[in-house]
Protein backbone atom coordinates (compact mmCIF):
# COMPACT_ATOMS: atom_id res chain seq x y z
CA UNK A 1 91.06 72.20 89.63
CA UNK A 2 93.92 74.52 90.54
CA UNK A 3 96.34 73.63 93.30
CA UNK A 4 97.52 77.23 93.82
CA UNK A 5 97.27 78.39 97.45
CA UNK A 6 97.65 81.99 98.54
CA UNK A 7 99.50 82.39 101.83
CA UNK A 8 100.17 85.65 103.63
CA UNK A 9 102.11 86.42 106.78
CA UNK A 10 99.40 88.87 107.81
CA UNK A 11 95.78 87.90 108.56
CA UNK A 12 93.04 89.26 106.32
CA UNK A 13 91.85 92.71 107.36
CA UNK A 14 88.19 91.59 107.30
CA UNK A 15 88.90 88.70 109.66
CA UNK A 16 91.01 90.80 112.04
CA UNK A 17 88.83 92.86 114.43
CA UNK A 18 89.60 96.54 114.80
CA UNK A 19 90.92 97.75 118.18
CA UNK A 20 88.42 99.42 120.50
CA UNK A 21 88.23 103.20 120.13
CA UNK A 22 86.72 105.39 122.79
CA UNK A 23 84.22 108.07 121.71
CA UNK A 24 86.65 110.81 122.74
CA UNK A 25 89.36 109.26 120.53
CA UNK A 26 86.92 109.20 117.61
CA UNK A 27 86.00 112.84 118.29
CA UNK A 28 89.65 113.90 118.32
CA UNK A 29 90.30 112.09 115.03
CA UNK A 30 87.12 113.01 113.09
CA UNK A 31 85.38 115.88 114.90
CA UNK A 32 81.76 116.20 115.93
CA UNK A 33 79.05 113.96 114.51
CA UNK A 34 77.11 115.92 111.89
CA UNK A 35 73.46 115.41 110.90
CA UNK A 36 72.74 113.66 107.60
CA UNK A 37 70.56 116.54 106.40
CA UNK A 38 71.04 120.23 107.00
CA UNK A 39 68.14 121.87 108.85
CA UNK A 40 65.59 123.63 106.66
CA UNK A 41 64.94 127.35 106.48
CA UNK A 42 62.31 127.45 109.24
CA UNK A 43 64.31 125.17 111.53
CA UNK A 44 67.25 127.55 111.23
CA UNK A 45 64.98 130.59 111.60
CA UNK A 46 63.28 129.38 114.78
CA UNK A 47 66.26 127.50 116.22
CA UNK A 48 64.70 124.02 116.13
CA UNK A 49 67.07 121.09 116.41
């Protein structure tokens, strides 16, 4: 067995929770939420959402 131990001054990123971000902050950083699929021909033609 190895006796090597890894020590870091900073906690692991996966163990450290991310700070809360408001929806408006997310919008300012990334823009509007886009649909996964683009609407089809008839949906665009008739304005369906």
